[in-house]
Amino acid sequence: MTAEETVLDYYEALRRGEPLYPYFAEDGDVVKFGIGERLTGYDAVAEGLREQSRTTDDWHVESRKLRVVGGDGFAAFSDDVRMAWTDTETEHEYEFDSRWSGTLERRDGEDDEWQFVGMHVSAPYPFES
């Protein structure tokens, strides 16, 4: 699987409600920024993603401008993503445009798979001029 295919597969896993933590490197230095969180270290990322899966449902993720660059075992990506989901505890539905970026590293192993070592998801602030 290429780095780009890994990003797209992550989106698909999110839509299907599958575990997301296996996409992240099991390192103490891995970091994931979400809309309202900063998770540092694999254990925190894994727990945060488990909690997200437990408390959300019905994910819609629409990639609009995926760009992946890299080489020599490292890749970076950026994307504009339309996303929506339901908070299962409040039944509140969220929907908005977001920006995703991050870094992947090819990990030695059976499949030399790509894993995230950093991810940042943010929502643009609507500035008025």
C-alpha atoms as a PDB file:
ATOM      1  CA  MET A   1       0.000   0.000   0.000  1.00  0.00           C
ATOM      2  CA  THR A   2       1.355   3.463  -0.846  1.00  0.00           C
ATOM      3  CA  ALA A   3       1.305   6.427   1.539  1.00  0.00           C
ATOM      4  CA  GLU A   4      -1.620   7.901  -0.430  1.00  0.00           C
ATOM      5  CA  GLU A   5      -3.534   4.617  -0.259  1.00  0.00           C
ATOM      6  CA  THR A   6      -2.907   4.557   3.508  1.00  0.00           C
ATOM      7  CA  VAL A   7      -4.498   7.997   3.942  1.00  0.00           C
ATOM      8  CA  LEU A   8      -7.500   6.987   1.834  1.00  0.00           C
ATOM      9  CA  ASP A   9      -7.801   3.683   3.708  1.00  0.00           C
ATOM     10  CA  TYR A  10      -7.794   5.615   7.007  1.00  0.00           C
ATOM     11  CA  TYR A  11     -10.717   7.710   5.753  1.00  0.00           C
ATOM     12  CA  GLU A  12     -12.555   4.533   4.753  1.00  0.00           C
ATOM     13  CA  ALA A  13     -11.894   2.915   8.156  1.00  0.00           C
ATOM     14  CA  LEU A  14     -13.339   6.041   9.803  1.00  0.00           C
ATOM     15  CA  ARG A  15     -16.468   5.764   7.647  1.00  0.00           C
ATOM     16  CA  ARG A  16     -16.857   2.063   8.510  1.00  0.00           C
ATOM     17  CA  GLY A  17     -16.334   2.616  12.234  1.00  0.00           C
ATOM     18  CA  GLU A  18     -13.236   0.402  12.299  1.00  0.00           C
ATOM     19  CA  PRO A  19     -10.357   0.882  14.758  1.00  0.00           C
ATOM     20  CA  LEU A  20      -8.117   3.774  13.723  1.00  0.00           C
ATOM     21  CA  TYR A  21      -5.194   3.423  16.147  1.00  0.00           C
ATOM     22  CA  PRO A  22      -3.440   0.714  14.051  1.00  0.00           C
ATOM     23  CA  TYR A  23      -2.725   3.409  11.445  1.00  0.00           C
ATOM     24  CA  PHE A  24      -0.427   5.198  13.918  1.00  0.00           C
ATOM     25  CA  ALA A  25       3.157   4.280  14.754  1.00  0.00           C
ATOM     26  CA  GLU A  26       3.613   2.749  18.191  1.00  0.00           C
ATOM     27  CA  ASP A  27       6.005   5.481  19.325  1.00  0.00           C
ATOM     28  CA  GLY A  28       6.092   7.806  22.296  1.00  0.00           C
ATOM     29  CA  ASP A  29       6.699  10.703  19.892  1.00  0.00           C
ATOM     30  CA  VAL A  30       3.615  10.221  17.694  1.00  0.00           C
ATOM     31  CA  VAL A  31       1.185  13.142  17.886  1.00  0.00           C
ATOM     32  CA  LYS A  32      -2.391  13.698  16.735  1.00  0.00           C
ATOM     33  CA  PHE A  33      -4.118  17.053  16.845  1.00  0.00           C
ATOM     34  CA  GLY A  34      -7.891  16.903  16.502  1.00  0.00           C
ATOM     35  CA  ILE A  35     -10.421  19.715  16.345  1.00  0.00           C
ATOM     36  CA  GLY A  36     -10.382  20.023  20.142  1.00  0.00           C
ATOM     37  CA  GLU A  37      -7.536  17.854  21.357  1.00  0.00           C
ATOM     38  CA  ARG A  38      -3.827  17.181  21.351  1.00  0.00           C
ATOM     39  CA  LEU A  39      -2.782  13.574  21.860  1.00  0.00           C
ATOM     40  CA  THR A  40       0.907  12.824  22.369  1.00  0.00           C
ATOM     41  CA  GLY A  41       2.362   9.318  22.413  1.00  0.00           C
ATOM     42  CA  TYR A  42       0.892   6.150  20.987  1.00  0.00           C
ATOM     43  CA  ASP A  43      -1.018   5.207  24.151  1.00  0.00           C
ATOM     44  CA  ALA A  44      -2.792   8.591  24.268  1.00  0.00           C
ATOM     45  CA  VAL A  45      -3.543   8.496  20.527  1.00  0.00           C
ATOM     46  CA  ALA A  46      -4.915   4.951  20.745  1.00  0.00           C
ATOM     47  CA  GLU A  47      -7.087   5.774  23.766  1.00  0.00           C
ATOM     48  CA  GLY A  48      -8.354   8.982  22.163  1.00  0.00           C
ATOM     49  CA  LEU A  49      -9.303   7.159  18.977  1.00  0.00           C
ATOM     50  CA  ARG A  50     -11.024   4.367  20.947  1.00  0.00           C
ATOM     51  CA  GLU A  51     -13.064   7.011  22.789  1.00  0.00           C
ATOM     52  CA  GLN A  52     -13.915   8.735  19.502  1.00  0.00           C
ATOM     53  CA  SER A  53     -15.140   5.433  18.060  1.00  0.00           C
ATOM     54  CA  ARG A  54     -17.170   4.755  21.209  1.00  0.00           C
ATOM     55  CA  THR A  55     -18.924   8.137  21.206  1.00  0.00           C
ATOM     56  CA  THR A  56     -19.449   8.846  17.487  1.00  0.00           C
ATOM     57  CA  ASP A  57     -21.202   7.208  14.559  1.00  0.00           C
ATOM     58  CA  ASP A  58     -22.304   7.722  10.966  1.00  0.00           C
ATOM     59  CA  TRP A  59     -19.074   9.290   9.708  1.00  0.00           C
ATOM     60  CA  HIS A  60     -18.974  10.922   6.299  1.00  0.00           C
ATOM     61  CA  VAL A  61     -15.515  11.866   5.054  1.00  0.00           C
ATOM     62  CA  GLU A  62     -15.119  13.495   1.643  1.00  0.00           C
ATOM     63  CA  SER A  63     -11.574  14.126   0.459  1.00  0.00           C
ATOM     64  CA  ARG A  64     -11.405  17.196  -1.780  1.00  0.00           C
ATOM     65  CA  LYS A  65      -7.743  18.033  -2.366  1.00  0.00           C
ATOM     66  CA  LEU A  66      -5.532  15.170  -1.222  1.00  0.00           C
ATOM     67  CA  ARG A  67      -1.865  15.738  -1.949  1.00  0.00           C
ATOM     68  CA  VAL A  68       0.849  13.300  -0.874  1.00  0.00           C
ATOM     69  CA  VAL A  69       4.583  13.881  -1.362  1.00  0.00           C
ATOM     70  CA  GLY A  70       7.616  12.044  -0.110  1.00  0.00           C
ATOM     71  CA  GLY A  71      10.380   9.551  -0.545  1.00  0.00           C
ATOM     72  CA  ASP A  72      13.011   7.546   1.331  1.00  0.00           C
ATOM     73  CA  GLY A  73      10.483   6.134   3.775  1.00  0.00           C
ATOM     74  CA  PHE A  74       8.760   9.391   4.689  1.00  0.00           C
ATOM     75  CA  ALA A  75       5.693  11.091   3.227  1.00  0.00           C
ATOM     76  CA  ALA A  76       3.624  14.162   4.018  1.00  0.00           C
ATOM     77  CA  PHE A  77       0.003  14.742   3.147  1.00  0.00           C
ATOM     78  CA  SER A  78      -2.513  17.562   3.120  1.00  0.00           C
ATOM     79  CA  ASP A  79      -6.201  17.545   2.288  1.00  0.00           C
ATOM     80  CA  ASP A  80      -9.364  19.595   2.450  1.00  0.00           C
ATOM     81  CA  VAL A  81     -12.008  17.290   3.911  1.00  0.00           C
ATOM     82  CA  ARG A  82     -15.755  17.712   4.262  1.00  0.00           C
ATOM     83  CA  MET A  83     -16.715  15.679   7.314  1.00  0.00           C
ATOM     84  CA  ALA A  84     -19.814  14.887   9.308  1.00  0.00           C
ATOM     85  CA  TRP A  85     -20.672  12.579  12.198  1.00  0.00           C
ATOM     86  CA  THR A  86     -23.167  12.014  14.993  1.00  0.00           C
ATOM     87  CA  ASP A  87     -22.284  12.260  18.680  1.00  0.00           C
ATOM     88  CA  THR A  88     -23.895   9.094  20.053  1.00  0.00           C
ATOM     89  CA  GLU A  89     -24.217  10.477  23.581  1.00  0.00           C
ATOM     90  CA  THR A  90     -26.099  13.671  22.651  1.00  0.00           C
ATOM     91  CA  GLU A  91     -27.428  12.645  19.203  1.00  0.00           C
ATOM     92  CA  HIS A  92     -26.032  15.979  17.953  1.00  0.00           C
ATOM     93  CA  GLU A  93     -24.945  15.941  14.304  1.00  0.00           C
ATOM     94  CA  TYR A  94     -21.817  17.815  13.243  1.00  0.00           C
ATOM     95  CA  GLU A  95     -20.850  18.801   9.713  1.00  0.00           C
ATOM     96  CA  PHE A  96     -18.145  21.144   8.436  1.00  0.00           C
ATOM     97  CA  ASP A  97     -15.111  21.621   6.256  1.00  0.00           C
ATOM     98  CA  SER A  98     -11.742  20.765   7.751  1.00  0.00           C
ATOM     99  CA  ARG A  99      -8.065  20.722   6.889  1.00  0.00           C
ATOM    100  CA  TRP A 100      -5.934  17.639   7.418  1.00  0.00           C
ATOM    101  CA  SER A 101      -2.170  17.314   7.268  1.00  0.00           C
ATOM    102  CA  GLY A 102       0.399  14.938   8.579  1.00  0.00           C
ATOM    103  CA  THR A 103       3.484  12.837   8.210  1.00  0.00           C
ATOM    104  CA  LEU A 104       3.780   9.131   7.529  1.00  0.00           C
ATOM    105  CA  GLU A 105       6.742   6.811   7.888  1.00  0.00           C
ATOM    106  CA  ARG A 106       7.285   3.463   6.190  1.00  0.00           C
ATOM    107  CA  ARG A 107       7.696   0.889   8.919  1.00  0.00           C
ATOM    108  CA  ASP A 108       9.781  -2.242   8.439  1.00  0.00           C
ATOM    109  CA  GLY A 109       7.776  -5.393   8.825  1.00  0.00           C
ATOM    110  CA  GLU A 110       5.858  -7.959   6.869  1.00  0.00           C
ATOM    111  CA  ASP A 111       4.281  -5.421   4.521  1.00  0.00           C
ATOM    112  CA  ASP A 112       6.558  -2.379   4.983  1.00  0.00           C
ATOM    113  CA  GLU A 113       3.369  -0.496   5.807  1.00  0.00           C
ATOM    114  CA  TRP A 114       2.996   3.261   6.089  1.00  0.00           C
ATOM    115  CA  GLN A 115       1.941   4.618   9.476  1.00  0.00           C
ATOM    116  CA  PHE A 116       1.146   8.102  10.715  1.00  0.00           C
ATOM    117  CA  VAL A 117       3.750   9.683  12.977  1.00  0.00           C
ATOM    118  CA  GLY A 118       1.871  12.971  13.058  1.00  0.00           C
ATOM    119  CA  MET A 119      -1.607  14.148  12.098  1.00  0.00           C
ATOM    120  CA  HIS A 120      -3.285  17.529  12.402  1.00  0.00           C
ATOM    121  CA  VAL A 121      -6.990  18.114  11.791  1.00  0.00           C
ATOM    122  CA  SER A 122      -8.351  21.644  12.065  1.00  0.00           C
ATOM    123  CA  ALA A 123     -11.360  23.675  11.057  1.00  0.00           C
ATOM    124  CA  PRO A 124     -10.827  26.994   9.278  1.00  0.00           C
ATOM    125  CA  TYR A 125     -11.939  30.043  11.195  1.00  0.00           C
ATOM    126  CA  PRO A 126     -14.304  32.197   9.132  1.00  0.00           C
ATOM    127  CA  PHE A 127     -12.473  35.543   9.145  1.00  0.00           C
ATOM    128  CA  GLU A 128     -14.342  38.527   7.826  1.00  0.00           C
ATOM    129  CA  SER A 129     -12.531  41.360   6.097  1.00  0.00           C
END
